[in-house]
Amino acid sequence: PWLVELSARKIRISSGLKAGAFMEFEADDLGQRVKQFLLWAKQQDKAQCYFVLLIKPSGCRYADLLRALLSKSGYETGTDLLPENWSAF
Protein backbone atom coordinates (compact mmCIF):
# COMPACT_ATOMS: atom_id res chain seq x y z
CA PRO A 1 0.00 0.00 0.00
CA TRP A 2 0.91 3.65 -0.41
CA LEU A 3 0.78 5.62 2.84
CA VAL A 4 -0.60 9.14 2.36
CA GLU A 5 -0.04 11.62 5.19
CA LEU A 6 -2.56 14.43 4.88
CA SER A 7 -2.43 17.77 6.69
CA ALA A 8 -3.66 21.27 5.86
CA ARG A 9 -0.26 22.25 4.46
CA LYS A 10 0.99 19.20 2.60
CA ILE A 11 0.41 15.73 1.24
CA ARG A 12 3.27 13.27 1.78
CA ILE A 13 3.44 9.73 0.42
CA SER A 14 5.60 6.69 1.05
CA SER A 15 5.48 3.09 -0.08
CA GLY A 16 6.78 2.06 3.32
CA LEU A 17 9.42 -0.09 1.62
CA LYS A 18 12.36 2.25 2.27
CA ALA A 19 12.68 3.78 5.72
CA GLY A 20 12.69 7.58 5.51
CA ALA A 21 11.87 7.65 1.78
CA PHE A 22 8.88 9.76 0.86
CA MET A 23 7.58 12.25 -1.70
CA GLU A 24 5.88 15.50 -0.78
CA PHE A 25 3.30 17.69 -2.53
CA GLU A 26 3.51 21.23 -1.11
CA ALA A 27 1.79 23.60 -3.54
CA ASP A 28 0.50 26.88 -2.12
CA ASP A 29 -3.14 25.83 -2.08
CA LEU A 30 -5.02 22.63 -1.44
CA GLY A 31 -6.41 22.40 -4.97
CA GLN A 32 -2.91 22.39 -6.46
CA ARG A 33 -1.64 19.81 -3.94
CA VAL A 34 -4.57 17.52 -4.71
CA LYS A 35 -4.02 17.93 -8.48
CA GLN A 36 -0.32 17.11 -8.15
CA PHE A 37 -1.09 14.06 -6.02
CA LEU A 38 -3.83 12.78 -8.34
CA LEU A 39 -1.61 13.18 -11.42
CA TRP A 40 0.97 11.05 -9.65
CA ALA A 41 -1.62 8.54 -8.35
CA LYS A 42 -3.13 7.97 -11.80
CA GLN A 43 0.22 6.59 -12.92
CA GLN A 44 -0.04 3.77 -10.36
CA ASP A 45 -1.42 0.32 -11.18
CA LYS A 46 -5.01 0.12 -9.88
CA ALA A 47 -4.82 -3.66 -9.60
CA GLN A 48 -1.84 -3.50 -7.23
CA CYS A 49 -2.15 -0.10 -5.61
CA TYR A 50 -3.95 0.69 -2.37
CA PHE A 51 -3.88 4.04 -0.52
CA VAL A 52 -4.00 4.39 3.27
CA LEU A 53 -4.82 7.98 4.21
CA LEU A 54 -3.06 8.96 7.44
CA ILE A 55 -5.10 11.99 8.45
CA LYS A 56 -3.87 14.69 10.81
CA PRO A 57 -6.48 16.92 12.51
CA SER A 58 -5.68 19.85 10.19
CA GLY A 59 -6.30 17.59 7.17
CA CYS A 60 -9.69 16.22 8.28
CA ARG A 61 -11.71 18.62 6.16
CA TYR A 62 -9.84 17.47 3.03
CA ALA A 63 -9.78 13.74 3.68
CA ASP A 64 -13.27 13.01 2.32
CA LEU A 65 -12.50 14.92 -0.87
CA LEU A 66 -9.26 13.05 -1.45
CA ARG A 67 -10.83 9.67 -0.65
CA ALA A 68 -13.73 10.38 -3.05
CA LEU A 69 -11.39 11.41 -5.85
CA LEU A 70 -9.26 8.31 -5.40
CA SER A 71 -12.35 6.07 -5.33
CA LYS A 72 -13.73 7.77 -8.44
CA SER A 73 -10.42 7.00 -10.16
CA GLY A 74 -10.82 3.32 -9.25
CA TYR A 75 -8.44 3.01 -6.28
CA GLU A 76 -9.10 1.24 -2.99
CA THR A 77 -8.56 3.36 0.13
CA GLY A 78 -8.31 3.01 3.88
CA THR A 79 -7.88 5.57 6.63
CA ASP A 80 -6.18 6.06 9.95
CA LEU A 81 -5.67 9.08 12.19
CA LEU A 82 -2.41 10.72 13.26
CA PRO A 83 -1.77 13.36 15.92
CA GLU A 84 -0.85 16.71 14.35
CA ASN A 85 2.69 16.65 15.75
CA TRP A 86 3.54 13.14 14.47
CA SER A 87 5.23 12.31 11.21
CA ALA A 88 4.47 8.99 9.55
CA PHE A 89 7.76 8.92 7.65
PDB file of N, CA and C in Angstrom:
ATOM      1  N   PRO A   1       0.828  -1.211   0.000  1.00  0.00           N
ATOM      2  CA  PRO A   1       0.000   0.000   0.000  1.00  0.00           C
ATOM      3  C   PRO A   1       0.865   1.265   0.000  1.00  0.00           C
ATOM      4  N   TRP A   2       0.304   2.334  -0.511  1.00  0.00           N
ATOM      5  CA  TRP A   2       0.915   3.650  -0.405  1.00  0.00           C
ATOM      6  C   TRP A   2       0.332   4.328   0.824  1.00  0.00           C
ATOM      7  N   LEU A   3       1.196   4.861   1.665  1.00  0.00           N
ATOM      8  CA  LEU A   3       0.778   5.619   2.837  1.00  0.00           C
ATOM      9  C   LEU A   3       0.717   7.093   2.434  1.00  0.00           C
ATOM     10  N   VAL A   4      -0.384   7.750   2.755  1.00  0.00           N
ATOM     11  CA  VAL A   4      -0.602   9.141   2.362  1.00  0.00           C
ATOM     12  C   VAL A   4      -0.866   9.959   3.620  1.00  0.00           C
ATOM     13  N   GLU A   5       0.116  10.752   4.023  1.00  0.00           N
ATOM     14  CA  GLU A   5      -0.035  11.620   5.190  1.00  0.00           C
ATOM     15  C   GLU A   5      -0.665  12.932   4.734  1.00  0.00           C
ATOM     16  N   LEU A   6      -1.794  13.269   5.319  1.00  0.00           N
ATOM     17  CA  LEU A   6      -2.564  14.429   4.878  1.00  0.00           C
ATOM     18  C   LEU A   6      -2.708  15.441   6.005  1.00  0.00           C
ATOM     19  N   SER A   7      -2.236  16.664   5.756  1.00  0.00           N
ATOM     20  CA  SER A   7      -2.426  17.769   6.686  1.00  0.00           C
ATOM     21  C   SER A   7      -2.902  18.975   5.880  1.00  0.00           C
ATOM     22  N   ALA A   8      -3.174  20.075   6.557  1.00  0.00           N
ATOM     23  CA  ALA A   8      -3.659  21.270   5.857  1.00  0.00           C
ATOM     24  C   ALA A   8      -2.600  21.869   4.940  1.00  0.00           C
ATOM     25  N   ARG A   9      -1.333  21.613   5.228  1.00  0.00           N
ATOM     26  CA  ARG A   9      -0.262  22.246   4.460  1.00  0.00           C
ATOM     27  C   ARG A   9       0.416  21.370   3.426  1.00  0.00           C
ATOM     28  N   LYS A  10       0.291  20.046   3.564  1.00  0.00           N
ATOM     29  CA  LYS A  10       0.986  19.195   2.596  1.00  0.00           C
ATOM     30  C   LYS A  10       0.394  17.797   2.528  1.00  0.00           C
ATOM     31  N   ILE A  11       0.728  17.143   1.446  1.00  0.00           N
ATOM     32  CA  ILE A  11       0.413  15.731   1.239  1.00  0.00           C
ATOM     33  C   ILE A  11       1.758  15.042   1.052  1.00  0.00           C
ATOM     34  N   ARG A  12       2.021  14.038   1.873  1.00  0.00           N
ATOM     35  CA  ARG A  12       3.270  13.268   1.783  1.00  0.00           C
ATOM     36  C   ARG A  12       2.916  11.816   1.549  1.00  0.00           C
ATOM     37  N   ILE A  13       3.705  11.135   0.711  1.00  0.00           N
ATOM     38  CA  ILE A  13       3.442   9.728   0.415  1.00  0.00           C
ATOM     39  C   ILE A  13       4.707   8.894   0.591  1.00  0.00           C
ATOM     40  N   SER A  14       4.495   7.641   0.948  1.00  0.00           N
ATOM     41  CA  SER A  14       5.598   6.687   1.054  1.00  0.00           C
ATOM     42  C   SER A  14       5.053   5.291   0.773  1.00  0.00           C
ATOM     43  N   SER A  15       5.872   4.486   0.154  1.00  0.00           N
ATOM     44  CA  SER A  15       5.475   3.091  -0.079  1.00  0.00           C
ATOM     45  C   SER A  15       5.704   2.267   1.173  1.00  0.00           C
ATOM     46  N   GLY A  16       6.466   2.791   2.115  1.00  0.00           N
ATOM     47  CA  GLY A  16       6.782   2.057   3.319  1.00  0.00           C
ATOM     48  C   GLY A  16       7.888   1.031   3.121  1.00  0.00           C
ATOM     49  N   LEU A  17       8.390   0.905   1.898  1.00  0.00           N
ATOM     50  CA  LEU A  17       9.424  -0.090   1.616  1.00  0.00           C
ATOM     51  C   LEU A  17      10.818   0.387   1.994  1.00  0.00           C
ATOM     52  N   LYS A  18      11.052   1.697   1.921  1.00  0.00           N
ATOM     53  CA  LYS A  18      12.357   2.249   2.265  1.00  0.00           C
ATOM     54  C   LYS A  18      12.170   3.214   3.431  1.00  0.00           C
ATOM     55  N   ALA A  19      12.802   2.925   4.543  1.00  0.00           N
ATOM     56  CA  ALA A  19      12.682   3.783   5.721  1.00  0.00           C
ATOM     57  C   ALA A  19      13.152   5.198   5.396  1.00  0.00           C
ATOM     58  N   GLY A  20      12.333   6.174   5.721  1.00  0.00           N
ATOM     59  CA  GLY A  20      12.685   7.576   5.511  1.00  0.00           C
ATOM     60  C   GLY A  20      12.466   8.082   4.101  1.00  0.00           C
ATOM     61  N   ALA A  21      12.080   7.224   3.166  1.00  0.00           N
ATOM     62  CA  ALA A  21      11.868   7.649   1.784  1.00  0.00           C
ATOM     63  C   ALA A  21      10.421   8.062   1.582  1.00  0.00           C
ATOM     64  N   PHE A  22      10.224   9.295   1.134  1.00  0.00           N
ATOM     65  CA  PHE A  22       8.877   9.764   0.859  1.00  0.00           C
ATOM     66  C   PHE A  22       8.913  10.849  -0.208  1.00  0.00           C
ATOM     67  N   MET A  23       7.747  11.171  -0.736  1.00  0.00           N
ATOM     68  CA  MET A  23       7.581  12.248  -1.702  1.00  0.00           C
ATOM     69  C   MET A  23       6.562  13.212  -1.116  1.00  0.00           C
ATOM     70  N   GLU A  24       6.735  14.491  -1.400  1.00  0.00           N
ATOM     71  CA  GLU A  24       5.877  15.501  -0.782  1.00  0.00           C
ATOM     72  C   GLU A  24       5.283  16.413  -1.841  1.00  0.00           C
ATOM     73  N   PHE A  25       3.998  16.745  -1.674  1.00  0.00           N
ATOM     74  CA  PHE A  25       3.299  17.694  -2.534  1.00  0.00           C
ATOM     75  C   PHE A  25       2.992  18.910  -1.666  1.00  0.00           C
ATOM     76  N   GLU A  26       3.610  20.054  -1.971  1.00  0.00           N
ATOM     77  CA  GLU A  26       3.513  21.230  -1.108  1.00  0.00           C
ATOM     78  C   GLU A  26       3.088  22.483  -1.856  1.00  0.00           C
ATOM     79  N   ALA A  27       2.230  22.404  -2.820  1.00  0.00           N
ATOM     80  CA  ALA A  27       1.791  23.597  -3.540  1.00  0.00           C
ATOM     81  C   ALA A  27       1.143  24.578  -2.563  1.00  0.00           C
ATOM     82  N   ASP A  28       1.027  25.827  -2.985  1.00  0.00           N
ATOM     83  CA  ASP A  28       0.501  26.875  -2.115  1.00  0.00           C
ATOM     84  C   ASP A  28      -0.939  26.646  -1.664  1.00  0.00           C
ATOM     85  N   ASP A  29      -1.747  26.052  -2.507  1.00  0.00           N
ATOM     86  CA  ASP A  29      -3.137  25.831  -2.083  1.00  0.00           C
ATOM     87  C   ASP A  29      -3.528  24.361  -2.208  1.00  0.00           C
ATOM     88  N   LEU A  30      -4.569  24.014  -1.494  1.00  0.00           N
ATOM     89  CA  LEU A  30      -5.024  22.626  -1.444  1.00  0.00           C
ATOM     90  C   LEU A  30      -5.344  22.084  -2.830  1.00  0.00           C
ATOM     91  N   GLY A  31      -6.031  22.863  -3.646  1.00  0.00           N
ATOM     92  CA  GLY A  31      -6.407  22.400  -4.973  1.00  0.00           C
ATOM     93  C   GLY A  31      -5.208  21.966  -5.793  1.00  0.00           C
ATOM     94  N   GLN A  32      -4.127  22.735  -5.727  1.00  0.00           N
ATOM     95  CA  GLN A  32      -2.912  22.392  -6.463  1.00  0.00           C
ATOM     96  C   GLN A  32      -2.257  21.141  -5.899  1.00  0.00           C
ATOM     97  N   ARG A  33      -2.226  21.010  -4.561  1.00  0.00           N
ATOM     98  CA  ARG A  33      -1.640  19.811  -3.944  1.00  0.00           C
ATOM     99  C   ARG A  33      -2.410  18.567  -4.367  1.00  0.00           C
ATOM    100  N   VAL A  34      -3.738  18.664  -4.335  1.00  0.00           N
ATOM    101  CA  VAL A  34      -4.570  17.519  -4.714  1.00  0.00           C
ATOM    102  C   VAL A  34      -4.347  17.179  -6.184  1.00  0.00           C
ATOM    103  N   LYS A  35      -4.277  18.178  -7.046  1.00  0.00           N
ATOM    104  CA  LYS A  35      -4.025  17.927  -8.479  1.00  0.00           C
ATOM    105  C   LYS A  35      -2.692  17.230  -8.683  1.00  0.00           C
ATOM    106  N   GLN A  36      -1.647  17.722  -8.017  1.00  0.00           N
ATOM    107  CA  GLN A  36      -0.325  17.109  -8.146  1.00  0.00           C
ATOM    108  C   GLN A  36      -0.366  15.654  -7.687  1.00  0.00           C
ATOM    109  N   PHE A  37      -0.998  15.420  -6.541  1.00  0.00           N
ATOM    110  CA  PHE A  37      -1.089  14.064  -6.017  1.00  0.00           C
ATOM    111  C   PHE A  37      -1.864  13.162  -6.963  1.00  0.00           C
ATOM    112  N   LEU A  38      -3.008  13.619  -7.459  1.00  0.00           N
ATOM    113  CA  LEU A  38      -3.829  12.779  -8.343  1.00  0.00           C
ATOM    114  C   LEU A  38      -3.127  12.479  -9.661  1.00  0.00           C
ATOM    115  N   LEU A  39      -2.386  13.446 -10.199  1.00  0.00           N
ATOM    116  CA  LEU A  39      -1.614  13.177 -11.416  1.00  0.00           C
ATOM    117  C   LEU A  39      -0.607  12.068 -11.169  1.00  0.00           C
ATOM    118  N   TRP A  40       0.039  12.106 -10.007  1.00  0.00           N
ATOM    119  CA  TRP A  40       0.975  11.045  -9.651  1.00  0.00           C
ATOM    120  C   TRP A  40       0.229   9.723  -9.446  1.00  0.00           C
ATOM    121  N   ALA A  41      -0.866   9.755  -8.690  1.00  0.00           N
ATOM    122  CA  ALA A  41      -1.619   8.538  -8.347  1.00  0.00           C
ATOM    123  C   ALA A  41      -2.137   7.827  -9.593  1.00  0.00           C
ATOM    124  N   LYS A  42      -2.567   8.576 -10.585  1.00  0.00           N
ATOM    125  CA  LYS A  42      -3.133   7.972 -11.798  1.00  0.00           C
ATOM    126  C   LYS A  42      -2.093   7.198 -12.601  1.00  0.00           C
ATOM    127  N   GLN A  43      -0.838   7.342 -12.259  1.00  0.00           N
ATOM    128  CA  GLN A  43       0.223   6.587 -12.921  1.00  0.00           C
ATOM    129  C   GLN A  43       0.450   5.230 -12.244  1.00  0.00           C
ATOM    130  N   GLN A  44      -0.212   5.007 -11.113  1.00  0.00           N
ATOM    131  CA  GLN A  44      -0.037   3.768 -10.357  1.00  0.00           C
ATOM    132  C   GLN A  44      -1.010   2.692 -10.854  1.00  0.00           C
ATOM    133  N   ASP A  45      -0.619   1.453 -10.725  1.00  0.00           N
ATOM    134  CA  ASP A  45      -1.417   0.323 -11.181  1.00  0.00           C
ATOM    135  C   ASP A  45      -2.596   0.088 -10.226  1.00  0.00           C
ATOM    136  N   LYS A  46      -3.812   0.264 -10.714  1.00  0.00           N
ATOM    137  CA  LYS A  46      -5.010   0.115  -9.881  1.00  0.00           C
ATOM    138  C   LYS A  46      -5.168  -1.294  -9.329  1.00  0.00           C
ATOM    139  N   ALA A  47      -4.682  -2.270 -10.048  1.00  0.00           N
ATOM    140  CA  ALA A  47      -4.817  -3.659  -9.601  1.00  0.00           C
ATOM    141  C   ALA A  47      -3.886  -3.978  -8.424  1.00  0.00           C
ATOM    142  N   GLN A  48      -2.810  -3.206  -8.282  1.00  0.00           N
ATOM    143  CA  GLN A  48      -1.841  -3.505  -7.234  1.00  0.00           C
ATOM    144  C   GLN A  48      -1.665  -2.376  -6.228  1.00  0.00           C
ATOM    145  N   CYS A  49      -2.361  -1.287  -6.422  1.00  0.00           N
ATOM    146  CA  CYS A  49      -2.151  -0.102  -5.606  1.00  0.00           C
ATOM    147  C   CYS A  49      -3.315   0.129  -4.643  1.00  0.00           C
ATOM    148  N   TYR A  50      -2.986   0.435  -3.420  1.00  0.00           N
ATOM    149  CA  TYR A  50      -3.954   0.695  -2.365  1.00  0.00           C
ATOM    150  C   TYR A  50      -3.437   1.893  -1.576  1.00  0.00           C
ATOM    151  N   PHE A  51      -4.303   2.855  -1.244  1.00  0.00           N
ATOM    152  CA  PHE A  51      -3.884   4.043  -0.516  1.00  0.00           C
ATOM    153  C   PHE A  51      -4.448   4.039   0.899  1.00  0.00           C
ATOM    154  N   VAL A  52      -3.583   4.230   1.877  1.00  0.00           N
ATOM    155  CA  VAL A  52      -4.003   4.386   3.266  1.00  0.00           C
ATOM    156  C   VAL A  52      -3.799   5.853   3.619  1.00  0.00           C
ATOM    157  N   LEU A  53      -4.893   6.568   3.853  1.00  0.00           N
ATOM    158  CA  LEU A  53      -4.824   7.982   4.208  1.00  0.00           C
ATOM    159  C   LEU A  53      -4.556   8.097   5.703  1.00  0.00           C
ATOM    160  N   LEU A  54      -3.440   8.719   6.054  1.00  0.00           N
ATOM    161  CA  LEU A  54      -3.064   8.965   7.440  1.00  0.00           C
ATOM    162  C   LEU A  54      -3.401  10.431   7.715  1.00  0.00           C
ATOM    163  N   ILE A  55      -4.507  10.658   8.369  1.00  0.00           N
ATOM    164  CA  ILE A  55      -5.101  11.987   8.450  1.00  0.00           C
ATOM    165  C   ILE A  55      -4.748  12.671   9.771  1.00  0.00           C
ATOM    166  N   LYS A  56      -4.134  13.846   9.654  1.00  0.00           N
ATOM    167  CA  LYS A  56      -3.872  14.688  10.813  1.00  0.00           C
ATOM    168  C   LYS A  56      -5.096  15.582  11.036  1.00  0.00           C
ATOM    169  N   PRO A  57      -5.302  16.085  12.258  1.00  0.00           N
ATOM    170  CA  PRO A  57      -6.482  16.925  12.509  1.00  0.00           C
ATOM    171  C   PRO A  57      -6.652  18.077  11.519  1.00  0.00           C
ATOM    172  N   SER A  58      -5.559  18.724  11.126  1.00  0.00           N
ATOM    173  CA  SER A  58      -5.677  19.851  10.189  1.00  0.00           C
ATOM    174  C   SER A  58      -6.077  19.399   8.786  1.00  0.00           C
ATOM    175  N   GLY A  59      -5.942  18.106   8.489  1.00  0.00           N
ATOM    176  CA  GLY A  59      -6.300  17.595   7.167  1.00  0.00           C
ATOM    177  C   GLY A  59      -7.668  16.938   7.103  1.00  0.00           C
ATOM    178  N   CYS A  60      -8.382  16.908   8.234  1.00  0.00           N
ATOM    179  CA  CYS A  60      -9.691  16.222   8.279  1.00  0.00           C
ATOM    180  C   CYS A  60     -10.687  16.760   7.258  1.00  0.00           C
ATOM    181  N   ARG A  61     -10.721  18.071   7.091  1.00  0.00           N
ATOM    182  CA  ARG A  61     -11.713  18.622   6.159  1.00  0.00           C
ATOM    183  C   ARG A  61     -11.428  18.250   4.710  1.00  0.00           C
ATOM    184  N   TYR A  62     -10.209  17.811   4.408  1.00  0.00           N
ATOM    185  CA  TYR A  62      -9.838  17.472   3.033  1.00  0.00           C
ATOM    186  C   TYR A  62      -9.832  15.975   2.776  1.00  0.00           C
ATOM    187  N   ALA A  63      -9.901  15.188   3.816  1.00  0.00           N
ATOM    188  CA  ALA A  63      -9.784  13.737   3.682  1.00  0.00           C
ATOM    189  C   ALA A  63     -10.912  13.138   2.849  1.00  0.00           C
ATOM    190  N   ASP A  64     -12.155  13.561   3.085  1.00  0.00           N
ATOM    191  CA  ASP A  64     -13.274  13.009   2.324  1.00  0.00           C
ATOM    192  C   ASP A  64     -13.148  13.326   0.835  1.00  0.00           C
ATOM    193  N   LEU A  65     -12.694  14.538   0.524  1.00  0.00           N
ATOM    194  CA  LEU A  65     -12.500  14.923  -0.874  1.00  0.00           C
ATOM    195  C   LEU A  65     -11.455  14.031  -1.528  1.00  0.00           C
ATOM    196  N   LEU A  66     -10.324  13.861  -0.872  1.00  0.00           N
ATOM    197  CA  LEU A  66      -9.259  13.046  -1.446  1.00  0.00           C
ATOM    198  C   LEU A  66      -9.684  11.593  -1.591  1.00  0.00           C
ATOM    199  N   ARG A  67     -10.349  11.058  -0.586  1.00  0.00           N
ATOM    200  CA  ARG A  67     -10.832   9.668  -0.652  1.00  0.00           C
ATOM    201  C   ARG A  67     -11.830   9.502  -1.800  1.00  0.00           C
ATOM    202  N   ALA A  68     -12.741  10.454  -1.967  1.00  0.00           N
ATOM    203  CA  ALA A  68     -13.734  10.376  -3.047  1.00  0.00           C
ATOM    204  C   ALA A  68     -13.065  10.431  -4.418  1.00  0.00           C
ATOM    205  N   LEU A  69     -12.080  11.302  -4.563  1.00  0.00           N
ATOM    206  CA  LEU A  69     -11.393  11.413  -5.850  1.00  0.00           C
ATOM    207  C   LEU A  69     -10.598  10.148  -6.168  1.00  0.00           C
ATOM    208  N   LEU A  70      -9.979   9.563  -5.175  1.00  0.00           N
ATOM    209  CA  LEU A  70      -9.260   8.306  -5.399  1.00  0.00           C
ATOM    210  C   LEU A  70     -10.231   7.184  -5.756  1.00  0.00           C
ATOM    211  N   SER A  71     -11.344   7.105  -5.043  1.00  0.00           N
ATOM    212  CA  SER A  71     -12.346   6.068  -5.332  1.00  0.00           C
ATOM    213  C   SER A  71     -12.924   6.245  -6.733  1.00  0.00           C
ATOM    214  N   LYS A  72     -13.200   7.486  -7.101  1.00  0.00           N
ATOM    215  CA  LYS A  72     -13.730   7.773  -8.443  1.00  0.00           C
ATOM    216  C   LYS A  72     -12.739   7.342  -9.526  1.00  0.00           C
ATOM    217  N   SER A  73     -11.458   7.415  -9.213  1.00  0.00           N
ATOM    218  CA  SER A  73     -10.419   7.003 -10.159  1.00  0.00           C
ATOM    219  C   SER A  73     -10.180   5.494 -10.136  1.00  0.00           C
ATOM    220  N   GLY A  74     -10.897   4.770  -9.254  1.00  0.00           N
ATOM    221  CA  GLY A  74     -10.816   3.319  -9.247  1.00  0.00           C
ATOM    222  C   GLY A  74      -9.859   2.722  -8.230  1.00  0.00           C
ATOM    223  N   TYR A  75      -9.385   3.506  -7.279  1.00  0.00           N
ATOM    224  CA  TYR A  75      -8.444   3.012  -6.279  1.00  0.00           C
ATOM    225  C   TYR A  75      -9.147   2.647  -4.980  1.00  0.00           C
ATOM    226  N   GLU A  76      -8.629   1.617  -4.315  1.00  0.00           N
ATOM    227  CA  GLU A  76      -9.099   1.235  -2.989  1.00  0.00           C
ATOM    228  C   GLU A  76      -8.419   2.150  -1.970  1.00  0.00           C
ATOM    229  N   THR A  77      -9.142   2.491  -0.904  1.00  0.00           N
ATOM    230  CA  THR A  77      -8.557   3.355   0.126  1.00  0.00           C
ATOM    231  C   THR A  77      -8.891   2.847   1.522  1.00  0.00           C
ATOM    232  N   GLY A  78      -8.075   3.241   2.461  1.00  0.00           N
ATOM    233  CA  GLY A  78      -8.311   3.007   3.875  1.00  0.00           C
ATOM    234  C   GLY A  78      -7.909   4.276   4.603  1.00  0.00           C
ATOM    235  N   THR A  79      -8.232   4.372   5.876  1.00  0.00           N
ATOM    236  CA  THR A  79      -7.882   5.573   6.627  1.00  0.00           C
ATOM    237  C   THR A  79      -7.394   5.218   8.030  1.00  0.00           C
ATOM    238  N   ASP A  80      -6.608   6.116   8.562  1.00  0.00           N
ATOM    239  CA  ASP A  80      -6.184   6.057   9.953  1.00  0.00           C
ATOM    240  C   ASP A  80      -5.902   7.497  10.372  1.00  0.00           C
ATOM    241  N   LEU A  81      -5.876   7.734  11.671  1.00  0.00           N
ATOM    242  CA  LEU A  81      -5.668   9.080  12.188  1.00  0.00           C
ATOM    243  C   LEU A  81      -4.281   9.211  12.805  1.00  0.00           C
ATOM    244  N   LEU A  82      -3.712  10.415  12.664  1.00  0.00           N
ATOM    245  CA  LEU A  82      -2.413  10.724  13.264  1.00  0.00           C
ATOM    246  C   LEU A  82      -2.542  11.996  14.108  1.00  0.00           C
ATOM    247  N   PRO A  83      -1.840  12.081  15.211  1.00  0.00           N
ATOM    248  CA  PRO A  83      -1.765  13.360  15.919  1.00  0.00           C
ATOM    249  C   PRO A  83      -1.068  14.399  15.027  1.00  0.00           C
ATOM    250  N   GLU A  84      -1.409  15.634  15.194  1.00  0.00           N
ATOM    251  CA  GLU A  84      -0.847  16.712  14.353  1.00  0.00           C
ATOM    252  C   GLU A  84       0.677  16.765  14.435  1.00  0.00           C
ATOM    253  N   ASN A  85       1.246  16.498  15.586  1.00  0.00           N
ATOM    254  CA  ASN A  85       2.690  16.647  15.750  1.00  0.00           C
ATOM    255  C   ASN A  85       3.487  15.384  15.401  1.00  0.00           C
ATOM    256  N   TRP A  86       2.849  14.365  14.883  1.00  0.00           N
ATOM    257  CA  TRP A  86       3.542  13.140  14.471  1.00  0.00           C
ATOM    258  C   TRP A  86       3.859  13.184  12.986  1.00  0.00           C
ATOM    259  N   SER A  87       4.890  12.487  12.622  1.00  0.00           N
ATOM    260  CA  SER A  87       5.230  12.311  11.213  1.00  0.00           C
ATOM    261  C   SER A  87       5.248  10.816  10.920  1.00  0.00           C
ATOM    262  N   ALA A  88       4.555  10.418   9.890  1.00  0.00           N
ATOM    263  CA  ALA A  88       4.467   8.985   9.554  1.00  0.00           C
ATOM    264  C   ALA A  88       5.764   8.481   8.932  1.00  0.00           C
ATOM    265  N   PHE A  89       6.540   9.356   8.337  1.00  0.00           N
ATOM    266  CA  PHE A  89       7.759   8.923   7.654  1.00  0.00           C
ATOM    267  C   PHE A  89       8.956   9.700   8.184  1.00  0.00           C
TER     268      PHE A  89
END
